[in-house]
């Protein structure tokens, strides 16, 4: 490669990077159309920029223009067929459309590309749950547990999948183990209480709520916020309605 060509390519990279930086600033300000124009300017300079195609796809998805978003991720995969990120974002966009089977195919491909990435496995398992393929979801959660047996969230996920299958007694064991490893694990305590009510064991369910309220009182306010923020939202949603009902029915009287 000649020095002049290398210099030109470096200059193009610098110009495209500046446009992408500008696009991200627009996106952060929710000026999405301006962000798209800046990204398109970057692509005129560097048509094969994987970052530009990825960013364009994300912005279009945020605008609800899912088909255009998917086309961007497909374009990125033309340049980089081994991009697990592209498959993950493509799967997320399919979920926005309610195409959960196609989403699962993308997440599965992403997992194949990055087997050690726990977030990708979680995406895949949650996609199976949305299709009510609880056995498939349980299989993925168990794989996560095998890879990280010390992570209380993985105990919790397996318990949730077992509860989905109506295997309540078995689920309780996993919630207990999650709570043994992390006593202030709110979701595990609430899920355990929910399962106990399903089994008609209301006194034990009430004990879960009592213990949860006790732990919350002992935590500093900022710690509660950090802990809540760390929980995976997609796994919380399936239990939120039942958890609210559970707390209303079994919370100690004031």
Protein backbone atom coordinates (compact mmCIF):
# COMPACT_ATOMS: atom_id res chain seq x y z
CA UNK A 1 0.00 0.00 0.00
CA UNK A 2 1.40 3.38 -1.00
CA UNK A 3 1.94 6.06 1.62
CA UNK A 4 -0.57 8.36 -0.10
CA UNK A 5 -3.27 5.68 -0.11
CA UNK A 6 -2.66 4.92 3.57
CA UNK A 7 -2.86 8.62 4.35
CA UNK A 8 -6.14 8.95 2.43
CA UNK A 9 -7.65 5.96 4.24
CA UNK A 10 -6.61 7.40 7.59
CA UNK A 11 -8.19 10.72 6.67
CA UNK A 12 -11.42 8.98 5.61
CA UNK A 13 -11.51 7.06 8.88
CA UNK A 14 -11.06 10.29 10.85
CA UNK A 15 -13.82 12.06 8.91
CA UNK A 16 -16.24 9.11 9.29
CA UNK A 17 -15.47 8.84 12.99
CA UNK A 18 -16.25 12.54 13.45
CA UNK A 19 -19.61 12.07 11.72
CA UNK A 20 -20.42 9.06 13.93
CA UNK A 21 -19.51 11.04 17.03
CA UNK A 22 -21.87 13.76 15.81
CA UNK A 23 -24.57 11.11 15.21
CA UNK A 24 -24.25 9.74 18.73
CA UNK A 25 -24.64 13.23 20.17
CA UNK A 26 -27.84 13.69 18.15
CA UNK A 27 -29.10 10.28 19.26
CA UNK A 28 -28.45 11.07 22.91
CA UNK A 29 -30.45 14.28 22.42
CA UNK A 30 -33.24 12.21 20.79
CA UNK A 31 -32.73 14.04 17.50
CA UNK A 32 -32.98 10.80 15.57
CA UNK A 33 -33.44 12.17 12.05
CA UNK A 34 -30.35 14.35 12.48
CA UNK A 35 -28.49 11.30 13.76
CA UNK A 36 -29.46 9.33 10.65
CA UNK A 37 -28.23 12.10 8.37
CA UNK A 38 -24.87 12.15 10.15
CA UNK A 39 -24.61 8.35 9.91
CA UNK A 40 -25.41 8.46 6.20
CA UNK A 41 -22.65 11.05 5.76
CA UNK A 42 -20.26 8.65 7.50
CA UNK A 43 -21.33 5.83 5.17
CA UNK A 44 -20.69 7.99 2.13
CA UNK A 45 -17.10 8.29 3.36
CA UNK A 46 -16.75 4.67 4.53
CA UNK A 47 -19.47 2.44 3.00
CA UNK A 48 -18.17 -0.66 4.77
CA UNK A 49 -18.09 0.83 8.27
CA UNK A 50 -19.52 -1.82 10.59
CA UNK A 51 -19.99 0.71 13.39
CA UNK A 52 -21.98 3.00 11.10
CA UNK A 53 -24.32 0.22 9.93
CA UNK A 54 -24.78 -0.98 13.50
CA UNK A 55 -25.55 2.53 14.79
CA UNK A 56 -27.95 3.17 11.90
CA UNK A 57 -29.80 -0.03 12.71
CA UNK A 58 -30.12 0.90 16.38
CA UNK A 59 -31.45 4.40 15.61
CA UNK A 60 -33.98 3.06 13.11
CA UNK A 61 -35.18 0.50 15.66
CA UNK A 62 -35.63 3.29 18.19
CA UNK A 63 -37.81 5.05 15.63
CA UNK A 64 -39.87 1.88 15.18
CA UNK A 65 -38.65 1.45 11.60
CA UNK A 66 -37.87 -2.20 12.22
CA UNK A 67 -37.62 -3.48 8.65
CA UNK A 68 -35.08 -0.78 7.78
CA UNK A 69 -33.24 -1.60 10.99
CA UNK A 70 -33.07 -5.29 10.08
CA UNK A 71 -31.68 -4.37 6.66
CA UNK A 72 -28.83 -2.49 8.38
CA UNK A 73 -27.92 -5.47 10.54
CA UNK A 74 -28.03 -7.73 7.48
CA UNK A 75 -25.68 -5.30 5.72
CA UNK A 76 -23.33 -5.44 8.70
CA UNK A 77 -23.39 -9.24 8.56
CA UNK A 78 -22.33 -9.09 4.90
CA UNK A 79 -19.11 -7.39 6.04
CA UNK A 80 -18.74 -9.41 9.24
CA UNK A 81 -20.66 -12.74 9.26
CA UNK A 82 -19.24 -13.56 12.69
CA UNK A 83 -20.71 -10.51 14.45
CA UNK A 84 -22.60 -11.80 17.50
CA UNK A 85 -23.60 -8.20 18.24
CA UNK A 86 -25.36 -7.91 14.89
CA UNK A 87 -27.28 -11.14 15.49
CA UNK A 88 -28.22 -10.01 18.99
CA UNK A 89 -29.53 -6.66 17.78
CA UNK A 90 -31.30 -8.34 14.88
CA UNK A 91 -32.97 -10.69 17.37
CA UNK A 92 -34.01 -7.77 19.55
CA UNK A 93 -35.55 -6.04 16.55
CA UNK A 94 -37.52 -9.16 15.62
CA UNK A 95 -38.82 -9.20 19.20
CA UNK A 96 -40.03 -5.62 18.76
CA UNK A 97 -42.09 -6.94 15.83
CA UNK A 98 -43.37 -9.86 17.89
CA UNK A 99 -41.47 -12.33 15.70
CA UNK A 100 -40.14 -14.37 18.60
CA UNK A 101 -39.27 -17.47 16.59
CA UNK A 102 -37.05 -15.45 14.25
CA UNK A 103 -35.60 -13.67 17.28
CA UNK A 104 -34.68 -16.99 18.88
CA UNK A 105 -32.91 -18.07 15.68
CA UNK A 106 -30.79 -14.92 15.81
CA UNK A 107 -29.99 -15.29 19.51
CA UNK A 108 -29.07 -18.94 18.95
CA UNK A 109 -26.68 -17.92 16.20
CA UNK A 110 -25.17 -15.29 18.49
CA UNK A 111 -24.67 -17.90 21.23
CA UNK A 112 -22.94 -20.20 18.73
CA UNK A 113 -20.55 -17.37 17.91
CA UNK A 114 -19.90 -16.40 21.55
CA UNK A 115 -20.68 -19.41 23.77
CA UNK A 116 -19.22 -17.77 26.88
CA UNK A 117 -21.45 -14.68 26.65
CA UNK A 118 -24.09 -15.11 29.38
CA UNK A 119 -26.15 -12.15 28.15
CA UNK A 120 -26.68 -13.85 24.79
CA UNK A 121 -27.87 -17.04 26.47
CA UNK A 122 -30.24 -14.98 28.59
CA UNK A 123 -31.64 -13.34 25.44
CA UNK A 124 -32.18 -16.78 23.94
CA UNK A 125 -33.88 -18.21 27.03
CA UNK A 126 -36.17 -15.21 27.39
CA UNK A 127 -37.13 -15.49 23.73
CA UNK A 128 -38.13 -19.11 24.30
CA UNK A 129 -40.19 -18.03 27.31
CA UNK A 130 -42.09 -15.53 25.19
CA UNK A 131 -42.98 -18.39 22.86
CA UNK A 132 -44.02 -20.46 25.89
CA UNK A 133 -41.27 -22.95 25.05
CA UNK A 134 -40.50 -23.44 28.71
CA UNK A 135 -38.53 -26.67 28.31
CA UNK A 136 -36.21 -24.97 25.82
CA UNK A 137 -35.83 -21.99 28.15
CA UNK A 138 -35.05 -24.30 31.07
CA UNK A 139 -32.35 -26.04 29.05
CA UNK A 140 -30.62 -22.72 28.36
CA UNK A 141 -30.92 -21.57 31.98
CA UNK A 142 -29.38 -24.85 33.13
CA UNK A 143 -26.49 -24.27 30.73
CA UNK A 144 -25.97 -20.87 32.31
CA UNK A 145 -26.00 -22.44 35.76
CA UNK A 146 -23.44 -25.06 34.71
CA UNK A 147 -21.16 -22.31 33.44
CA UNK A 148 -21.58 -20.06 36.49
CA UNK A 149 -22.82 -22.15 39.44
CA UNK A 150 -21.85 -19.43 41.92
CA UNK A 151 -24.12 -16.81 40.32
CA UNK A 152 -27.40 -16.60 42.31
CA UNK A 153 -29.22 -15.17 39.29
CA UNK A 154 -28.68 -18.44 37.46
CA UNK A 155 -30.27 -20.34 40.35
CA UNK A 156 -33.17 -17.91 40.12
CA UNK A 157 -33.60 -18.29 36.37
CA UNK A 158 -33.77 -22.08 36.65
CA UNK A 159 -36.33 -21.73 39.44
CA UNK A 160 -38.45 -19.40 37.29
CA UNK A 161 -38.39 -21.85 34.37
CA UNK A 162 -39.38 -24.73 36.64
CA UNK A 163 -42.24 -22.64 38.02
CA UNK A 164 -43.37 -21.95 34.44
CA UNK A 165 -43.57 -25.72 33.99
CA UNK A 166 -45.57 -26.13 37.20
CA UNK A 167 -42.69 -27.87 38.98
CA UNK A 168 -43.13 -25.76 42.08
CA UNK A 169 -41.46 -27.99 44.68
CA UNK A 170 -38.32 -28.25 42.57
CA UNK A 171 -38.36 -24.50 41.88
CA UNK A 172 -38.34 -23.70 45.61
CA UNK A 173 -35.00 -25.47 45.99
CA UNK A 174 -33.39 -23.17 43.43
CA UNK A 175 -34.91 -20.04 44.96
CA UNK A 176 -33.60 -21.16 48.36
CA UNK A 177 -30.12 -21.62 46.92
CA UNK A 178 -30.25 -18.19 45.26
CA UNK A 179 -31.26 -16.65 48.60
CA UNK A 180 -28.55 -18.55 50.44
CA UNK A 181 -25.98 -17.00 48.13
CA UNK A 182 -27.63 -13.55 48.10
CA UNK A 183 -30.00 -13.03 51.06
CA UNK A 184 -31.23 -9.65 49.75
CA UNK A 185 -32.21 -11.07 46.33
CA UNK A 186 -35.70 -9.54 46.16
CA UNK A 187 -36.81 -11.34 43.01
CA UNK A 188 -35.92 -14.74 44.40
CA UNK A 189 -37.80 -14.07 47.64
CA UNK A 190 -40.88 -12.85 45.79
CA UNK A 191 -40.78 -15.73 43.32
CA UNK A 192 -40.47 -18.20 46.17
CA UNK A 193 -43.46 -16.60 47.88
CA UNK A 194 -45.45 -16.77 44.66
CA UNK A 195 -44.67 -20.48 44.24
CA UNK A 196 -45.54 -21.20 47.86
CA UNK A 197 -48.96 -19.61 47.36
CA UNK A 198 -49.47 -21.84 44.34
CA UNK A 199 -48.83 -24.80 46.65
CA UNK A 200 -51.27 -23.44 49.22
CA UNK A 201 -48.49 -22.83 51.77
CA UNK A 202 -49.59 -19.31 52.66
CA UNK A 203 -47.92 -19.11 56.08
CA UNK A 204 -44.53 -19.85 54.52
CA UNK A 205 -45.31 -17.38 51.74
CA UNK A 206 -45.98 -14.68 54.32
CA UNK A 207 -42.60 -15.44 55.92
CA UNK A 208 -40.95 -14.65 52.57
CA UNK A 209 -42.58 -11.23 52.53
CA UNK A 210 -41.69 -10.57 56.16
CA UNK A 211 -38.05 -11.47 55.49
CA UNK A 212 -38.00 -9.33 52.36
CA UNK A 213 -39.33 -6.27 54.19
CA UNK A 214 -36.82 -6.85 56.98
CA UNK A 215 -33.90 -6.95 54.54
CA UNK A 216 -35.13 -3.83 52.71
CA UNK A 217 -35.28 -1.88 55.97
CA UNK A 218 -31.65 -2.79 56.69
CA UNK A 219 -30.39 -1.63 53.28
CA UNK A 220 -29.26 1.96 52.63
CA UNK A 221 -31.49 3.72 50.10
CA UNK A 222 -28.74 3.97 47.48
CA UNK A 223 -27.96 0.24 47.82
CA UNK A 224 -31.58 -0.60 47.13
CA UNK A 225 -31.43 1.45 43.96
CA UNK A 226 -28.25 -0.22 42.76
CA UNK A 227 -29.61 -3.70 43.49
CA UNK A 228 -32.89 -2.99 41.73
CA UNK A 229 -31.10 -1.59 38.70
CA UNK A 230 -28.90 -4.69 38.46
CA UNK A 231 -31.82 -7.08 38.05
CA UNK A 232 -32.68 -8.21 34.56
CA UNK A 233 -35.87 -6.43 33.48
CA UNK A 234 -36.94 -9.04 31.00
CA UNK A 235 -37.00 -11.71 33.71
CA UNK A 236 -38.86 -9.48 36.12
CA UNK A 237 -41.80 -8.76 33.85
CA UNK A 238 -43.33 -12.23 33.93
CA UNK A 239 -43.64 -12.10 37.70
CA UNK A 240 -44.44 -8.44 38.36
CA UNK A 241 -48.24 -8.75 38.33
CA UNK A 242 -48.24 -11.82 40.57
CA UNK A 243 -45.66 -10.24 42.87
CA UNK A 244 -47.81 -7.15 43.39
CA UNK A 245 -50.82 -9.31 44.17
CA UNK A 246 -48.73 -11.44 46.48
CA UNK A 247 -47.42 -8.44 48.44
CA UNK A 248 -50.93 -6.99 48.76
CA UNK A 249 -52.31 -10.26 50.11
CA UNK A 250 -49.53 -11.24 52.49
CA UNK A 251 -47.72 -8.08 53.57
CA UNK A 252 -47.82 -7.65 57.37
CA UNK A 253 -50.46 -5.18 58.59
CA UNK A 254 -49.17 -1.72 59.45
